[in-house]
Amino acid sequence: MNAADALQAGAFVLIVALLVKPVGAYLERVFERRHTFFDPLLLPAERLIHRLVGTNPKSEMDWVDLIRSVLWVAAFSTRTAHTHSRIRRR
């Protein structure tokens, strides 16, 4: 490891250490359903995603809903990776 690598690793550790407290506080507010700074921007997008996928954000997910969501994410990710791969080959 040379000096540039050590400096980069040190900077990464410092940035992560500085972000732990504010990101943790933000995630606490999100999981407790309290208002956050990003709500006006992200809540409309979240509602749209819920409508597109067909889930109800107020209800608990049973195992069938969970599997359906995982399969949707897997299908979307696979399709995106495939499309990206096809575009890069040209």
C-alpha atoms as a PDB file:
ATOM      1  CA  MET A   1       0.000   0.000   0.000  1.00  0.00           C
ATOM      2  CA  ASN A   2       1.459   3.321  -1.010  1.00  0.00           C
ATOM      3  CA  ALA A   3       0.823   6.745   0.538  1.00  0.00           C
ATOM      4  CA  ALA A   4      -2.044   7.588  -1.818  1.00  0.00           C
ATOM      5  CA  ASP A   5      -3.864   4.362  -0.936  1.00  0.00           C
ATOM      6  CA  ALA A   6      -3.389   4.970   2.781  1.00  0.00           C
ATOM      7  CA  LEU A   7      -4.667   8.536   2.413  1.00  0.00           C
ATOM      8  CA  GLN A   8      -7.708   7.354   0.484  1.00  0.00           C
ATOM      9  CA  ALA A   9      -8.485   4.659   3.064  1.00  0.00           C
ATOM     10  CA  GLY A  10      -8.076   7.154   5.901  1.00  0.00           C
ATOM     11  CA  ALA A  11     -10.351   9.670   4.184  1.00  0.00           C
ATOM     12  CA  PHE A  12     -12.979   6.976   3.657  1.00  0.00           C
ATOM     13  CA  VAL A  13     -12.903   5.936   7.324  1.00  0.00           C
ATOM     14  CA  LEU A  14     -13.118   9.575   8.420  1.00  0.00           C
ATOM     15  CA  ILE A  15     -16.085  10.320   6.143  1.00  0.00           C
ATOM     16  CA  VAL A  16     -17.939   7.199   7.316  1.00  0.00           C
ATOM     17  CA  ALA A  17     -17.236   8.067  10.960  1.00  0.00           C
ATOM     18  CA  LEU A  18     -18.560  11.599  10.447  1.00  0.00           C
ATOM     19  CA  LEU A  19     -21.727  10.373   8.732  1.00  0.00           C
ATOM     20  CA  VAL A  20     -22.680   7.679  11.253  1.00  0.00           C
ATOM     21  CA  LYS A  21     -24.550   9.964  13.669  1.00  0.00           C
ATOM     22  CA  PRO A  22     -26.563  12.076  11.173  1.00  0.00           C
ATOM     23  CA  VAL A  23     -27.467   9.136   8.929  1.00  0.00           C
ATOM     24  CA  GLY A  24     -28.443   7.065  11.971  1.00  0.00           C
ATOM     25  CA  ALA A  25     -30.677   9.876  13.255  1.00  0.00           C
ATOM     26  CA  TYR A  26     -32.291  10.208   9.820  1.00  0.00           C
ATOM     27  CA  LEU A  27     -32.942   6.464   9.590  1.00  0.00           C
ATOM     28  CA  GLU A  28     -34.452   6.491  13.078  1.00  0.00           C
ATOM     29  CA  ARG A  29     -36.902   9.192  11.988  1.00  0.00           C
ATOM     30  CA  VAL A  30     -37.761   7.288   8.809  1.00  0.00           C
ATOM     31  CA  PHE A  31     -38.417   3.984  10.581  1.00  0.00           C
ATOM     32  CA  GLU A  32     -40.522   5.690  13.253  1.00  0.00           C
ATOM     33  CA  ARG A  33     -42.568   7.415  10.512  1.00  0.00           C
ATOM     34  CA  ARG A  34     -41.691  10.896  11.749  1.00  0.00           C
ATOM     35  CA  HIS A  35     -41.300  13.893   9.446  1.00  0.00           C
ATOM     36  CA  THR A  36     -37.920  14.246   7.729  1.00  0.00           C
ATOM     37  CA  PHE A  37     -36.322  16.910   5.574  1.00  0.00           C
ATOM     38  CA  PHE A  38     -36.715  14.783   2.418  1.00  0.00           C
ATOM     39  CA  ASP A  39     -40.436  13.974   2.867  1.00  0.00           C
ATOM     40  CA  PRO A  40     -41.744  16.598   0.388  1.00  0.00           C
ATOM     41  CA  LEU A  41     -39.456  15.166  -2.289  1.00  0.00           C
ATOM     42  CA  LEU A  42     -39.541  11.448  -1.558  1.00  0.00           C
ATOM     43  CA  LEU A  43     -43.115  10.778  -0.369  1.00  0.00           C
ATOM     44  CA  PRO A  44     -44.721  11.410  -3.797  1.00  0.00           C
ATOM     45  CA  ALA A  45     -42.218   9.033  -5.397  1.00  0.00           C
ATOM     46  CA  GLU A  46     -42.895   6.457  -2.676  1.00  0.00           C
ATOM     47  CA  ARG A  47     -46.665   6.695  -3.263  1.00  0.00           C
ATOM     48  CA  LEU A  48     -46.153   6.242  -7.002  1.00  0.00           C
ATOM     49  CA  ILE A  49     -44.027   3.146  -6.453  1.00  0.00           C
ATOM     50  CA  HIS A  50     -46.649   1.696  -4.099  1.00  0.00           C
ATOM     51  CA  ARG A  51     -49.343   2.269  -6.728  1.00  0.00           C
ATOM     52  CA  LEU A  52     -47.255   0.742  -9.525  1.00  0.00           C
ATOM     53  CA  VAL A  53     -46.330  -2.344  -7.521  1.00  0.00           C
ATOM     54  CA  GLY A  54     -49.794  -2.689  -5.984  1.00  0.00           C
ATOM     55  CA  THR A  55     -48.899  -2.653  -2.310  1.00  0.00           C
ATOM     56  CA  ASN A  56     -50.596  -0.935   0.597  1.00  0.00           C
ATOM     57  CA  PRO A  57     -48.079   0.998   2.721  1.00  0.00           C
ATOM     58  CA  LYS A  58     -50.431   0.972   5.741  1.00  0.00           C
ATOM     59  CA  SER A  59     -50.639  -2.833   6.015  1.00  0.00           C
ATOM     60  CA  GLU A  60     -48.092  -5.450   6.999  1.00  0.00           C
ATOM     61  CA  MET A  61     -46.659  -7.613   4.240  1.00  0.00           C
ATOM     62  CA  ASP A  62     -47.400 -11.314   4.405  1.00  0.00           C
ATOM     63  CA  TRP A  63     -45.033 -13.859   2.900  1.00  0.00           C
ATOM     64  CA  VAL A  64     -46.760 -13.810  -0.492  1.00  0.00           C
ATOM     65  CA  ASP A  65     -46.407 -10.031  -0.784  1.00  0.00           C
ATOM     66  CA  LEU A  66     -42.797 -10.245   0.307  1.00  0.00           C
ATOM     67  CA  ILE A  67     -41.964 -12.873  -2.319  1.00  0.00           C
ATOM     68  CA  ARG A  68     -43.790 -10.853  -4.987  1.00  0.00           C
ATOM     69  CA  SER A  69     -41.761  -7.759  -4.097  1.00  0.00           C
ATOM     70  CA  VAL A  70     -38.477  -9.657  -4.116  1.00  0.00           C
ATOM     71  CA  LEU A  71     -39.292 -11.140  -7.527  1.00  0.00           C
ATOM     72  CA  TRP A  72     -40.169  -7.692  -8.916  1.00  0.00           C
ATOM     73  CA  VAL A  73     -36.849  -6.281  -7.712  1.00  0.00           C
ATOM     74  CA  ALA A  74     -34.953  -9.289  -9.083  1.00  0.00           C
ATOM     75  CA  ALA A  75     -36.697  -9.044 -12.455  1.00  0.00           C
ATOM     76  CA  PHE A  76     -36.066  -5.305 -12.695  1.00  0.00           C
ATOM     77  CA  SER A  77     -32.406  -5.693 -11.703  1.00  0.00           C
ATOM     78  CA  THR A  78     -31.849  -8.528 -14.147  1.00  0.00           C
ATOM     79  CA  ARG A  79     -33.489  -6.635 -16.987  1.00  0.00           C
ATOM     80  CA  THR A  80     -31.500  -3.495 -16.214  1.00  0.00           C
ATOM     81  CA  ALA A  81     -28.206  -5.406 -16.089  1.00  0.00           C
ATOM     82  CA  HIS A  82     -29.048  -7.211 -19.333  1.00  0.00           C
ATOM     83  CA  THR A  83     -29.948  -3.963 -21.105  1.00  0.00           C
ATOM     84  CA  HIS A  84     -26.794  -2.289 -19.832  1.00  0.00           C
ATOM     85  CA  SER A  85     -24.705  -5.225 -21.045  1.00  0.00           C
ATOM     86  CA  ARG A  86     -26.310  -5.146 -24.498  1.00  0.00           C
ATOM     87  CA  ILE A  87     -25.784  -1.395 -24.855  1.00  0.00           C
ATOM     88  CA  ARG A  88     -22.108  -1.643 -23.848  1.00  0.00           C
ATOM     89  CA  ARG A  89     -21.396  -4.320 -26.487  1.00  0.00           C
ATOM     90  CA  ARG A  90     -22.324  -2.010 -29.354  1.00  0.00           C
END
